[in-house]
Protein backbone atom coordinates (compact mmCIF):
# COMPACT_ATOMS: atom_id res chain seq x y z
CA MET A 1 98.85 76.16 96.17
CA SER A 2 102.42 74.97 96.23
CA ARG A 3 104.60 76.72 94.03
CA GLY A 4 104.63 75.45 90.40
CA GLU A 5 100.76 74.98 90.37
CA VAL A 6 98.55 77.54 88.72
CA VAL A 7 94.47 77.55 89.01
CA LYS A 8 92.15 76.29 86.19
CA LEU A 9 88.62 76.79 86.71
CA ARG A 10 86.33 73.97 86.13
CA ILE A 11 83.41 76.51 84.16
CA ARG A 12 83.01 74.02 81.24
CA GLU A 13 82.63 71.08 83.37
CA PHE A 14 79.96 72.38 85.39
CA ALA A 15 78.39 74.10 82.35
CA ALA A 16 77.97 71.04 80.50
CA ARG A 17 76.74 69.35 83.89
CA GLU A 18 73.88 72.13 83.94
CA GLY A 19 73.40 72.32 79.82
CA TRP A 20 74.36 75.71 79.45
CA THR A 21 76.63 77.77 77.02
CA LEU A 22 79.19 79.96 78.12
CA LYS A 23 77.30 82.91 76.98
CA GLU A 24 74.55 81.45 79.36
CA VAL A 25 76.92 81.22 82.09
CA ALA A 26 78.14 84.81 81.79
CA ASP A 27 74.47 85.78 81.50
CA ARG A 28 73.40 84.00 84.41
CA SER A 29 76.58 84.97 86.75
CA GLY A 30 76.81 88.71 85.40
CA VAL A 31 80.40 87.87 84.70
CA SER A 32 81.43 89.32 81.14
CA TYR A 33 81.20 86.79 78.65
CA ASN A 34 84.82 87.82 77.55
CA THR A 35 85.65 86.87 81.35
CA VAL A 36 84.14 83.90 81.13
CA LYS A 37 85.40 82.69 78.06
CA SER A 38 89.22 83.61 79.05
CA TYR A 39 88.67 81.76 82.23
CA ALA A 40 87.04 78.72 80.74
CA ARG A 41 89.93 78.38 78.08
CA SER A 42 92.88 79.16 80.34
CA PRO A 43 95.08 76.17 80.69
CA GLY A 44 95.91 77.82 84.27
CA MET A 45 96.17 81.06 85.92
CA ALA A 46 97.92 82.62 88.45
CA MET A 47 95.53 85.10 89.62
CA ALA A 48 91.91 85.86 89.13
CA ASP A 49 89.06 88.41 89.80
CA ILE A 50 87.74 87.01 93.22
CA GLY A 51 84.19 89.14 92.95
CA ALA A 52 84.11 87.18 89.40
CA LEU A 53 84.57 83.62 91.00
CA LEU A 54 82.19 84.22 93.94
CA LYS A 55 79.56 85.32 91.11
CA LEU A 56 80.18 81.84 89.27
CA ALA A 57 80.77 79.87 92.25
CA ARG A 58 77.28 80.95 93.25
CA THR A 59 75.75 80.08 89.88
CA PHE A 60 76.87 76.76 89.76
CA ASP A 61 75.90 76.44 93.18
CA VAL A 62 79.36 75.29 94.57
CA SER A 63 81.78 76.60 96.76
CA ILE A 64 85.01 78.82 95.22
CA GLU A 65 87.02 75.76 95.89
CA GLU A 66 85.14 73.35 93.76
CA LEU A 67 85.37 75.60 91.21
CA LEU A 68 89.27 75.65 91.56
CA ASP A 69 91.39 72.88 90.13
CA PHE A 70 95.10 73.21 91.01
CA VAL A 71 97.34 71.89 88.20
CA GLU A 72 101.12 71.76 87.90
CA GLN A 73 102.58 74.27 85.97
CA GLN A 74 104.04 73.21 82.62
């Protein structure tokens, strides 16, 4: 990640692929619904809970790297 970039999580994309709602993602992953919703709605973040990222990646059967999308900060 370079200066000026933030991380956007691809939660909505992977949830749609599976046909899951954000609530279902939270239930399946063990990550709180508020956290899932916050991460899914965020246009980009500088920090995230690594434990939550790992749980989400495992739930979607992807690597953490695949879950992340680096975007240029506006």
